[in-house]
Amino acid sequence: MQKKVIFLDRDGVINKDFGYVSKIENFNFCEGVFEACKEFLNLDFEIVIVTNQSGIGRGYYTIEDFKTLTNHMLNEFKKMDINILKVYFCPHNPDLDCSCRKPKNGMVLEALSDFDIDLNNSWLIGDKLSDIECAKNANIPNRVLISEKDEKNEDYFIAKSLFDSLKYIKERYEI
């Protein structure tokens, strides 16, 4: 059976984005993240994280630093009984023009090769337009931009937080 997936960006969606967050002491979860993720799981979604980490390519921190922080994050989710299916990341400097850096769809394509995913019933939630463009490029029709701006858009929904994005998912499935 195909999986319904919530693809989540990390910085600015899961944790507060202070720019190149690479240390556990600087990693602060956004308000409502655990509650939102529990609700995603209750709605029969799997959670996949797709995150650009150009700080690695820029030499600000190492892949090992990223893995240490990722393990911390995953352990915090596990403490709340939240299973993250997988974390995909792009370590490249934006100048390299790789295929994995959002807005390109390389990380989503990798997830599609790893898992049987129903893209029509999957969502991508991010806080930058490059996240939305990635969803378009990967043919994910359900897209949410986390933003404080109160604007309307035909290509994506706008939510003030990850928890706030639940209203669109529940509305889509009439829950």
N, C-alpha and C. Protein backbone atom coordinates (compact mmCIF):
# COMPACT_ATOMS: atom_id res chain seq x y z
N MET A 1 0.84 -1.19 0.00
CA MET A 1 0.00 0.00 0.00
C MET A 1 0.88 1.25 0.00
N GLN A 2 0.49 2.22 -0.81
CA GLN A 2 1.28 3.44 -0.90
C GLN A 2 1.16 4.28 0.37
N LYS A 3 2.26 4.93 0.69
CA LYS A 3 2.31 5.79 1.87
C LYS A 3 1.89 7.21 1.52
N LYS A 4 1.09 7.80 2.40
CA LYS A 4 0.84 9.24 2.33
C LYS A 4 1.93 9.88 3.18
N VAL A 5 2.60 10.89 2.63
CA VAL A 5 3.75 11.47 3.31
C VAL A 5 3.55 12.97 3.51
N ILE A 6 3.96 13.43 4.68
CA ILE A 6 4.13 14.86 4.92
C ILE A 6 5.63 15.11 4.81
N PHE A 7 6.04 15.80 3.75
CA PHE A 7 7.43 16.20 3.60
C PHE A 7 7.60 17.52 4.35
N LEU A 8 8.52 17.54 5.32
CA LEU A 8 8.74 18.75 6.10
C LEU A 8 10.14 19.30 5.86
N ASP A 9 10.21 20.60 5.65
CA ASP A 9 11.49 21.29 5.72
C ASP A 9 11.88 21.29 7.20
N ARG A 10 13.14 21.50 7.51
CA ARG A 10 13.57 21.51 8.91
C ARG A 10 13.61 22.93 9.48
N ASP A 11 14.62 23.70 9.08
CA ASP A 11 14.83 25.02 9.67
C ASP A 11 13.68 25.97 9.32
N GLY A 12 13.04 26.49 10.36
CA GLY A 12 11.91 27.39 10.15
C GLY A 12 10.56 26.70 10.20
N VAL A 13 10.55 25.37 10.17
CA VAL A 13 9.32 24.59 10.24
C VAL A 13 9.33 23.71 11.49
N ILE A 14 10.38 22.91 11.64
CA ILE A 14 10.53 22.05 12.81
C ILE A 14 11.21 22.82 13.95
N ASN A 15 12.26 23.53 13.59
CA ASN A 15 13.01 24.30 14.59
C ASN A 15 13.11 25.76 14.17
N LYS A 16 13.36 26.60 15.15
CA LYS A 16 13.55 28.02 14.87
C LYS A 16 14.81 28.18 14.05
N ASP A 17 14.71 29.03 13.04
CA ASP A 17 15.82 29.21 12.10
C ASP A 17 16.64 30.43 12.49
N PHE A 18 17.79 30.17 13.10
CA PHE A 18 18.71 31.25 13.46
C PHE A 18 19.81 31.38 12.41
N GLY A 19 19.73 30.61 11.36
CA GLY A 19 20.76 30.61 10.33
C GLY A 19 21.84 29.59 10.63
N TYR A 20 21.95 28.59 9.78
CA TYR A 20 22.98 27.56 9.89
C TYR A 20 22.99 26.90 11.27
N VAL A 21 21.83 26.43 11.69
CA VAL A 21 21.70 25.76 12.98
C VAL A 21 22.41 24.40 12.89
N SER A 22 23.44 24.24 13.74
CA SER A 22 24.24 23.02 13.66
C SER A 22 24.60 22.44 15.02
N LYS A 23 24.25 23.13 16.09
CA LYS A 23 24.59 22.67 17.44
C LYS A 23 23.32 22.40 18.24
N ILE A 24 23.36 21.35 19.05
CA ILE A 24 22.20 20.97 19.85
C ILE A 24 21.72 22.14 20.72
N GLU A 25 22.64 22.88 21.30
CA GLU A 25 22.25 23.99 22.18
C GLU A 25 21.55 25.13 21.44
N ASN A 26 21.67 25.17 20.12
CA ASN A 26 20.99 26.19 19.32
C ASN A 26 19.74 25.67 18.63
N PHE A 27 19.41 24.41 18.88
CA PHE A 27 18.26 23.79 18.21
C PHE A 27 17.04 23.89 19.11
N ASN A 28 16.12 24.77 18.75
CA ASN A 28 14.89 24.97 19.51
C ASN A 28 13.69 24.62 18.64
N PHE A 29 12.93 23.62 19.09
CA PHE A 29 11.74 23.24 18.34
C PHE A 29 10.73 24.38 18.30
N CYS A 30 10.06 24.53 17.17
CA CYS A 30 8.99 25.52 17.04
C CYS A 30 7.80 25.07 17.87
N GLU A 31 7.04 26.01 18.33
CA GLU A 31 5.86 25.70 19.14
C GLU A 31 4.87 24.88 18.32
N GLY A 32 4.34 23.83 18.95
CA GLY A 32 3.30 23.01 18.32
C GLY A 32 3.78 21.94 17.38
N VAL A 33 5.10 21.80 17.22
CA VAL A 33 5.63 20.82 16.26
C VAL A 33 5.27 19.39 16.66
N PHE A 34 5.45 19.05 17.92
CA PHE A 34 5.16 17.68 18.34
C PHE A 34 3.68 17.37 18.20
N GLU A 35 2.84 18.31 18.58
CA GLU A 35 1.38 18.11 18.48
C GLU A 35 0.97 17.94 17.02
N ALA A 36 1.52 18.77 16.14
CA ALA A 36 1.20 18.66 14.71
C ALA A 36 1.65 17.31 14.16
N CYS A 37 2.87 16.90 14.48
CA CYS A 37 3.38 15.64 13.95
C CYS A 37 2.59 14.44 14.48
N LYS A 38 2.18 14.49 15.74
CA LYS A 38 1.33 13.40 16.26
C LYS A 38 0.02 13.33 15.49
N GLU A 39 -0.53 14.50 15.17
CA GLU A 39 -1.78 14.53 14.42
C GLU A 39 -1.58 14.00 13.00
N PHE A 40 -0.43 14.34 12.36
CA PHE A 40 -0.14 13.79 11.03
C PHE A 40 -0.15 12.26 11.09
N LEU A 41 0.50 11.71 12.10
CA LEU A 41 0.54 10.25 12.25
C LEU A 41 -0.86 9.69 12.49
N ASN A 42 -1.66 10.38 13.30
CA ASN A 42 -3.04 9.95 13.55
C ASN A 42 -3.88 9.94 12.28
N LEU A 43 -3.52 10.80 11.33
CA LEU A 43 -4.23 10.89 10.05
C LEU A 43 -3.63 9.93 9.01
N ASP A 44 -2.79 9.01 9.47
CA ASP A 44 -2.17 7.97 8.62
C ASP A 44 -1.15 8.50 7.63
N PHE A 45 -0.46 9.58 7.99
CA PHE A 45 0.66 10.08 7.20
C PHE A 45 1.95 9.57 7.80
N GLU A 46 2.95 9.42 6.96
CA GLU A 46 4.34 9.21 7.40
C GLU A 46 5.02 10.58 7.30
N ILE A 47 6.08 10.78 8.05
CA ILE A 47 6.79 12.07 8.04
C ILE A 47 8.19 11.86 7.49
N VAL A 48 8.53 12.68 6.49
CA VAL A 48 9.85 12.69 5.88
C VAL A 48 10.38 14.12 5.96
N ILE A 49 11.62 14.26 6.34
CA ILE A 49 12.24 15.59 6.39
C ILE A 49 13.14 15.76 5.18
N VAL A 50 13.00 16.90 4.51
CA VAL A 50 13.85 17.25 3.37
C VAL A 50 14.44 18.63 3.65
N THR A 51 15.76 18.70 3.80
CA THR A 51 16.36 19.94 4.27
C THR A 51 17.64 20.29 3.52
N ASN A 52 17.72 21.53 3.06
CA ASN A 52 18.96 22.06 2.50
C ASN A 52 19.90 22.37 3.67
N GLN A 53 21.13 21.93 3.58
CA GLN A 53 22.12 22.19 4.63
C GLN A 53 23.40 22.71 3.98
N SER A 54 23.30 23.88 3.36
CA SER A 54 24.46 24.45 2.66
C SER A 54 25.58 24.84 3.61
N GLY A 55 25.29 24.91 4.90
CA GLY A 55 26.35 25.19 5.87
C GLY A 55 27.46 24.15 5.82
N ILE A 56 27.11 22.92 5.41
CA ILE A 56 28.12 21.87 5.25
C ILE A 56 29.04 22.24 4.08
N GLY A 57 28.44 22.53 2.93
CA GLY A 57 29.22 22.88 1.74
C GLY A 57 30.00 24.17 1.89
N ARG A 58 29.51 25.06 2.74
CA ARG A 58 30.20 26.33 2.98
C ARG A 58 31.30 26.20 4.04
N GLY A 59 31.38 25.01 4.67
CA GLY A 59 32.42 24.78 5.67
C GLY A 59 32.08 25.32 7.05
N TYR A 60 30.81 25.66 7.32
CA TYR A 60 30.43 26.18 8.64
C TYR A 60 30.31 25.07 9.67
N TYR A 61 29.97 23.87 9.22
CA TYR A 61 29.89 22.69 10.08
C TYR A 61 30.05 21.46 9.20
N THR A 62 30.25 20.32 9.84
CA THR A 62 30.55 19.09 9.10
C THR A 62 29.30 18.20 8.97
N ILE A 63 29.42 17.19 8.13
CA ILE A 63 28.35 16.19 8.02
C ILE A 63 28.17 15.50 9.37
N GLU A 64 29.25 15.27 10.08
CA GLU A 64 29.16 14.64 11.41
C GLU A 64 28.37 15.54 12.37
N ASP A 65 28.62 16.86 12.31
CA ASP A 65 27.85 17.80 13.15
C ASP A 65 26.37 17.69 12.81
N PHE A 66 26.06 17.64 11.51
CA PHE A 66 24.67 17.52 11.07
C PHE A 66 24.05 16.22 11.58
N LYS A 67 24.78 15.12 11.46
CA LYS A 67 24.26 13.82 11.90
C LYS A 67 24.03 13.80 13.41
N THR A 68 24.93 14.41 14.17
CA THR A 68 24.77 14.49 15.63
C THR A 68 23.50 15.25 15.97
N LEU A 69 23.30 16.39 15.33
CA LEU A 69 22.10 17.20 15.57
C LEU A 69 20.84 16.46 15.11
N THR A 70 20.92 15.79 13.98
CA THR A 70 19.78 15.04 13.46
C THR A 70 19.40 13.92 14.42
N ASN A 71 20.39 13.21 14.95
CA ASN A 71 20.10 12.15 15.92
C ASN A 71 19.44 12.72 17.17
N HIS A 72 19.89 13.87 17.63
CA HIS A 72 19.25 14.55 18.77
C HIS A 72 17.78 14.84 18.44
N MET A 73 17.54 15.43 17.28
CA MET A 73 16.19 15.78 16.86
C MET A 73 15.30 14.53 16.80
N LEU A 74 15.80 13.47 16.16
CA LEU A 74 15.04 12.24 16.03
C LEU A 74 14.74 11.61 17.39
N ASN A 75 15.70 11.68 18.30
CA ASN A 75 15.48 11.16 19.66
C ASN A 75 14.41 11.94 20.40
N GLU A 76 14.38 13.25 20.19
CA GLU A 76 13.33 14.08 20.82
C GLU A 76 11.96 13.71 20.25
N PHE A 77 11.89 13.45 18.95
CA PHE A 77 10.64 12.99 18.36
C PHE A 77 10.24 11.63 18.94
N LYS A 78 11.21 10.72 19.05
CA LYS A 78 10.91 9.38 19.58
C LYS A 78 10.37 9.45 21.00
N LYS A 79 10.91 10.36 21.81
CA LYS A 79 10.42 10.54 23.19
C LYS A 79 8.94 10.89 23.20
N MET A 80 8.48 11.51 22.13
CA MET A 80 7.07 11.91 22.00
C MET A 80 6.27 10.89 21.19
N ASP A 81 6.85 9.70 20.96
CA ASP A 81 6.22 8.63 20.17
C ASP A 81 5.94 9.05 18.73
N ILE A 82 6.85 9.81 18.17
CA ILE A 82 6.74 10.25 16.78
C ILE A 82 7.89 9.62 16.00
N ASN A 83 7.53 8.82 15.00
CA ASN A 83 8.53 8.19 14.15
C ASN A 83 8.70 9.02 12.87
N ILE A 84 9.92 9.41 12.61
CA ILE A 84 10.24 10.09 11.35
C ILE A 84 10.73 9.00 10.40
N LEU A 85 10.08 8.87 9.27
CA LEU A 85 10.41 7.80 8.32
C LEU A 85 11.86 7.92 7.86
N LYS A 86 12.27 9.14 7.45
CA LYS A 86 13.65 9.33 7.00
C LYS A 86 13.95 10.83 6.89
N VAL A 87 15.23 11.17 7.01
CA VAL A 87 15.70 12.54 6.83
C VAL A 87 16.60 12.55 5.60
N TYR A 88 16.25 13.39 4.64
CA TYR A 88 17.08 13.61 3.45
C TYR A 88 17.66 15.01 3.55
N PHE A 89 18.91 15.15 3.13
CA PHE A 89 19.52 16.48 3.20
C PHE A 89 20.43 16.72 2.01
N CYS A 90 20.53 17.99 1.65
CA CYS A 90 21.46 18.42 0.62
C CYS A 90 22.61 19.14 1.32
N PRO A 91 23.83 18.61 1.24
CA PRO A 91 24.96 19.23 1.92
C PRO A 91 25.72 20.25 1.06
N HIS A 92 25.24 20.48 -0.15
CA HIS A 92 26.03 21.23 -1.12
C HIS A 92 25.89 22.75 -1.01
N ASN A 93 26.96 23.40 -1.37
CA ASN A 93 26.95 24.85 -1.54
C ASN A 93 26.04 25.16 -2.73
N PRO A 94 25.22 26.20 -2.64
CA PRO A 94 24.28 26.51 -3.74
C PRO A 94 24.97 26.73 -5.09
N ASP A 95 26.25 27.12 -5.09
CA ASP A 95 26.97 27.37 -6.35
C ASP A 95 27.22 26.10 -7.16
N LEU A 96 27.08 24.93 -6.53
CA LEU A 96 27.38 23.67 -7.23
C LEU A 96 26.28 23.24 -8.19
N ASP A 97 25.09 23.79 -8.08
CA ASP A 97 23.98 23.45 -8.97
C ASP A 97 23.71 21.95 -8.98
N CYS A 98 23.63 21.36 -7.78
CA CYS A 98 23.36 19.93 -7.66
C CYS A 98 21.87 19.66 -7.92
N SER A 99 21.53 18.38 -7.99
CA SER A 99 20.13 18.03 -8.26
C SER A 99 19.31 17.85 -6.98
N CYS A 100 19.97 17.88 -5.82
CA CYS A 100 19.24 17.62 -4.58
C CYS A 100 18.80 18.90 -3.86
N ARG A 101 19.44 20.03 -4.14
CA ARG A 101 19.11 21.26 -3.41
C ARG A 101 17.76 21.81 -3.86
N LYS A 102 16.88 22.01 -2.86
CA LYS A 102 15.59 22.64 -3.18
C LYS A 102 15.88 24.04 -3.73
N PRO A 103 15.23 24.44 -4.79
CA PRO A 103 13.93 24.00 -5.30
C PRO A 103 13.95 22.78 -6.23
N LYS A 104 15.11 22.20 -6.50
CA LYS A 104 15.11 20.98 -7.31
C LYS A 104 14.51 19.85 -6.50
N ASN A 105 14.14 18.79 -7.17
CA ASN A 105 13.34 17.74 -6.52
C ASN A 105 14.12 16.47 -6.17
N GLY A 106 15.43 16.55 -6.14
CA GLY A 106 16.27 15.37 -5.92
C GLY A 106 15.97 14.61 -4.63
N MET A 107 15.73 15.33 -3.53
CA MET A 107 15.46 14.64 -2.26
C MET A 107 14.12 13.91 -2.30
N VAL A 108 13.13 14.51 -2.95
CA VAL A 108 11.82 13.86 -3.08
C VAL A 108 11.95 12.64 -4.00
N LEU A 109 12.70 12.76 -5.08
CA LEU A 109 12.91 11.61 -5.97
C LEU A 109 13.61 10.47 -5.24
N GLU A 110 14.55 10.81 -4.37
CA GLU A 110 15.23 9.79 -3.57
C GLU A 110 14.23 9.08 -2.65
N ALA A 111 13.35 9.86 -2.04
CA ALA A 111 12.32 9.26 -1.17
C ALA A 111 11.41 8.35 -1.99
N LEU A 112 11.07 8.77 -3.20
CA LEU A 112 10.23 7.94 -4.07
C LEU A 112 10.91 6.63 -4.44
N SER A 113 12.23 6.64 -4.57
CA SER A 113 12.94 5.40 -4.88
C SER A 113 13.07 4.51 -3.63
N ASP A 114 13.04 5.12 -2.45
CA ASP A 114 13.16 4.36 -1.20
C ASP A 114 11.82 3.79 -0.72
N PHE A 115 10.74 4.48 -1.02
CA PHE A 115 9.42 4.11 -0.48
C PHE A 115 8.36 4.21 -1.57
N ASP A 116 7.27 3.48 -1.41
CA ASP A 116 6.13 3.55 -2.32
C ASP A 116 5.21 4.66 -1.81
N ILE A 117 5.32 5.83 -2.42
CA ILE A 117 4.65 7.04 -1.92
C ILE A 117 3.54 7.47 -2.88
N ASP A 118 2.40 7.79 -2.31
CA ASP A 118 1.26 8.34 -3.05
C ASP A 118 1.41 9.86 -3.05
N LEU A 119 2.01 10.40 -4.11
CA LEU A 119 2.26 11.85 -4.15
C LEU A 119 0.97 12.66 -4.17
N ASN A 120 -0.09 12.14 -4.80
CA ASN A 120 -1.34 12.89 -4.87
C ASN A 120 -1.93 13.18 -3.50
N ASN A 121 -1.67 12.30 -2.54
CA ASN A 121 -2.19 12.50 -1.19
C ASN A 121 -1.09 12.88 -0.21
N SER A 122 0.04 13.31 -0.72
CA SER A 122 1.14 13.76 0.12
C SER A 122 1.19 15.29 0.11
N TRP A 123 1.92 15.83 1.09
CA TRP A 123 2.04 17.28 1.27
C TRP A 123 3.50 17.65 1.47
N LEU A 124 3.86 18.85 1.04
CA LEU A 124 5.16 19.41 1.39
C LEU A 124 4.90 20.71 2.12
N ILE A 125 5.53 20.84 3.29
CA ILE A 125 5.36 22.03 4.13
C ILE A 125 6.73 22.64 4.37
N GLY A 126 6.87 23.90 3.97
CA GLY A 126 8.14 24.60 4.15
C GLY A 126 7.91 26.06 4.43
N ASP A 127 9.00 26.77 4.71
CA ASP A 127 8.88 28.19 5.05
C ASP A 127 9.52 29.11 4.01
N LYS A 128 9.95 28.52 2.89
CA LYS A 128 10.54 29.33 1.82
C LYS A 128 9.89 28.97 0.49
N LEU A 129 9.90 29.91 -0.42
CA LEU A 129 9.32 29.62 -1.74
C LEU A 129 10.08 28.51 -2.46
N SER A 130 11.36 28.32 -2.12
CA SER A 130 12.11 27.21 -2.73
C SER A 130 11.51 25.86 -2.31
N ASP A 131 10.91 25.79 -1.12
CA ASP A 131 10.23 24.57 -0.70
C ASP A 131 9.00 24.33 -1.57
N ILE A 132 8.25 25.39 -1.81
CA ILE A 132 7.04 25.31 -2.64
C ILE A 132 7.42 24.92 -4.06
N GLU A 133 8.48 25.52 -4.58
CA GLU A 133 8.95 25.19 -5.93
C GLU A 133 9.40 23.73 -6.02
N CYS A 134 10.04 23.25 -4.95
CA CYS A 134 10.44 21.83 -4.91
C CYS A 134 9.20 20.94 -5.03
N ALA A 135 8.16 21.28 -4.28
CA ALA A 135 6.92 20.49 -4.33
C ALA A 135 6.35 20.49 -5.75
N LYS A 136 6.34 21.66 -6.38
CA LYS A 136 5.84 21.74 -7.77
C LYS A 136 6.69 20.87 -8.68
N ASN A 137 8.01 21.00 -8.55
CA ASN A 137 8.93 20.24 -9.40
C ASN A 137 8.81 18.73 -9.19
N ALA A 138 8.36 18.34 -8.00
CA ALA A 138 8.20 16.91 -7.69
C ALA A 138 6.77 16.42 -7.89
N ASN A 139 5.92 17.30 -8.41
CA ASN A 139 4.50 16.95 -8.65
C ASN A 139 3.74 16.61 -7.37
N ILE A 140 4.08 17.32 -6.28
CA ILE A 140 3.31 17.21 -5.04
C ILE A 140 2.27 18.31 -5.09
N PRO A 141 1.00 17.96 -5.23
CA PRO A 141 -0.03 18.98 -5.43
C PRO A 141 -0.41 19.76 -4.17
N ASN A 142 -0.15 19.20 -3.01
CA ASN A 142 -0.57 19.81 -1.76
C ASN A 142 0.64 20.48 -1.10
N ARG A 143 0.58 21.82 -1.01
CA ARG A 143 1.74 22.58 -0.56
C ARG A 143 1.31 23.63 0.45
N VAL A 144 2.13 23.78 1.51
CA VAL A 144 1.84 24.78 2.53
C VAL A 144 3.11 25.58 2.79
N LEU A 145 2.97 26.89 2.76
CA LEU A 145 4.06 27.80 3.11
C LEU A 145 3.81 28.32 4.51
N ILE A 146 4.77 28.11 5.41
CA ILE A 146 4.68 28.67 6.76
C ILE A 146 5.13 30.12 6.67
N SER A 147 4.22 31.04 6.99
CA SER A 147 4.52 32.46 6.86
C SER A 147 3.58 33.27 7.75
N GLU A 148 4.08 34.38 8.22
CA GLU A 148 3.25 35.30 9.01
C GLU A 148 2.40 36.18 8.10
N LYS A 149 2.74 36.22 6.82
CA LYS A 149 2.00 37.06 5.88
C LYS A 149 0.61 36.46 5.65
N ASP A 150 -0.34 37.32 5.52
CA ASP A 150 -1.73 36.90 5.33
C ASP A 150 -2.13 37.12 3.87
N GLU A 151 -1.53 36.37 2.98
CA GLU A 151 -1.80 36.55 1.57
C GLU A 151 -2.51 35.33 1.01
N LYS A 152 -3.10 35.48 -0.12
CA LYS A 152 -3.77 34.36 -0.81
C LYS A 152 -2.90 33.93 -1.97
N ASN A 153 -2.92 32.64 -2.25
CA ASN A 153 -2.16 32.13 -3.37
C ASN A 153 -2.85 30.91 -3.93
N GLU A 154 -2.87 30.78 -5.25
CA GLU A 154 -3.53 29.65 -5.90
C GLU A 154 -2.66 28.39 -5.88
N ASP A 155 -1.34 28.55 -5.75
CA ASP A 155 -0.42 27.41 -5.83
C ASP A 155 -0.18 26.72 -4.49
N TYR A 156 -0.48 27.40 -3.40
CA TYR A 156 -0.19 26.82 -2.09
C TYR A 156 -1.03 27.50 -1.02
N PHE A 157 -1.14 26.80 0.11
CA PHE A 157 -1.81 27.36 1.28
C PHE A 157 -0.78 28.09 2.13
N ILE A 158 -1.24 29.01 2.94
CA ILE A 158 -0.36 29.72 3.87
C ILE A 158 -0.85 29.46 5.28
N ALA A 159 0.09 29.03 6.14
CA ALA A 159 -0.22 28.77 7.55
C ALA A 159 0.78 29.52 8.41
N LYS A 160 0.37 29.86 9.60
CA LYS A 160 1.25 30.61 10.50
C LYS A 160 2.25 29.69 11.22
N SER A 161 1.96 28.39 11.25
CA SER A 161 2.84 27.42 11.91
C SER A 161 2.55 26.03 11.35
N LEU A 162 3.38 25.09 11.74
CA LEU A 162 3.14 23.71 11.32
C LEU A 162 1.80 23.23 11.87
N PHE A 163 1.52 23.55 13.12
CA PHE A 163 0.25 23.15 13.72
C PHE A 163 -0.92 23.77 12.96
N ASP A 164 -0.77 25.03 12.56
CA ASP A 164 -1.82 25.73 11.81
C ASP A 164 -2.09 25.08 10.45
N SER A 165 -1.08 24.40 9.89
CA SER A 165 -1.25 23.77 8.57
C SER A 165 -2.24 22.60 8.62
N LEU A 166 -2.47 22.06 9.80
CA LEU A 166 -3.41 20.94 9.94
C LEU A 166 -4.79 21.26 9.41
N LYS A 167 -5.20 22.53 9.54
CA LYS A 167 -6.55 22.89 9.10
C LYS A 167 -6.75 22.60 7.61
N TYR A 168 -5.71 22.80 6.81
CA TYR A 168 -5.83 22.55 5.37
C TYR A 168 -5.88 21.06 5.07
N ILE A 169 -5.09 20.30 5.80
CA ILE A 169 -5.06 18.85 5.59
C ILE A 169 -6.41 18.25 6.00
N LYS A 170 -6.92 18.67 7.14
CA LYS A 170 -8.22 18.16 7.59
C LYS A 170 -9.34 18.59 6.66
N GLU A 171 -9.24 19.82 6.16
CA GLU A 171 -10.25 20.33 5.21
C GLU A 171 -10.21 19.50 3.91
N ARG A 172 -9.01 19.20 3.42
CA ARG A 172 -8.85 18.45 2.16
C ARG A 172 -9.49 17.07 2.26
N TYR A 173 -9.37 16.45 3.45
CA TYR A 173 -9.92 15.11 3.63
C TYR A 173 -11.24 15.10 4.40
N GLU A 174 -11.79 16.30 4.58
CA GLU A 174 -13.09 16.49 5.26
C GLU A 174 -13.12 15.78 6.62
N ILE A 175 -12.08 16.05 7.39
CA ILE A 175 -11.98 15.45 8.73
C ILE A 175 -12.45 16.48 9.76
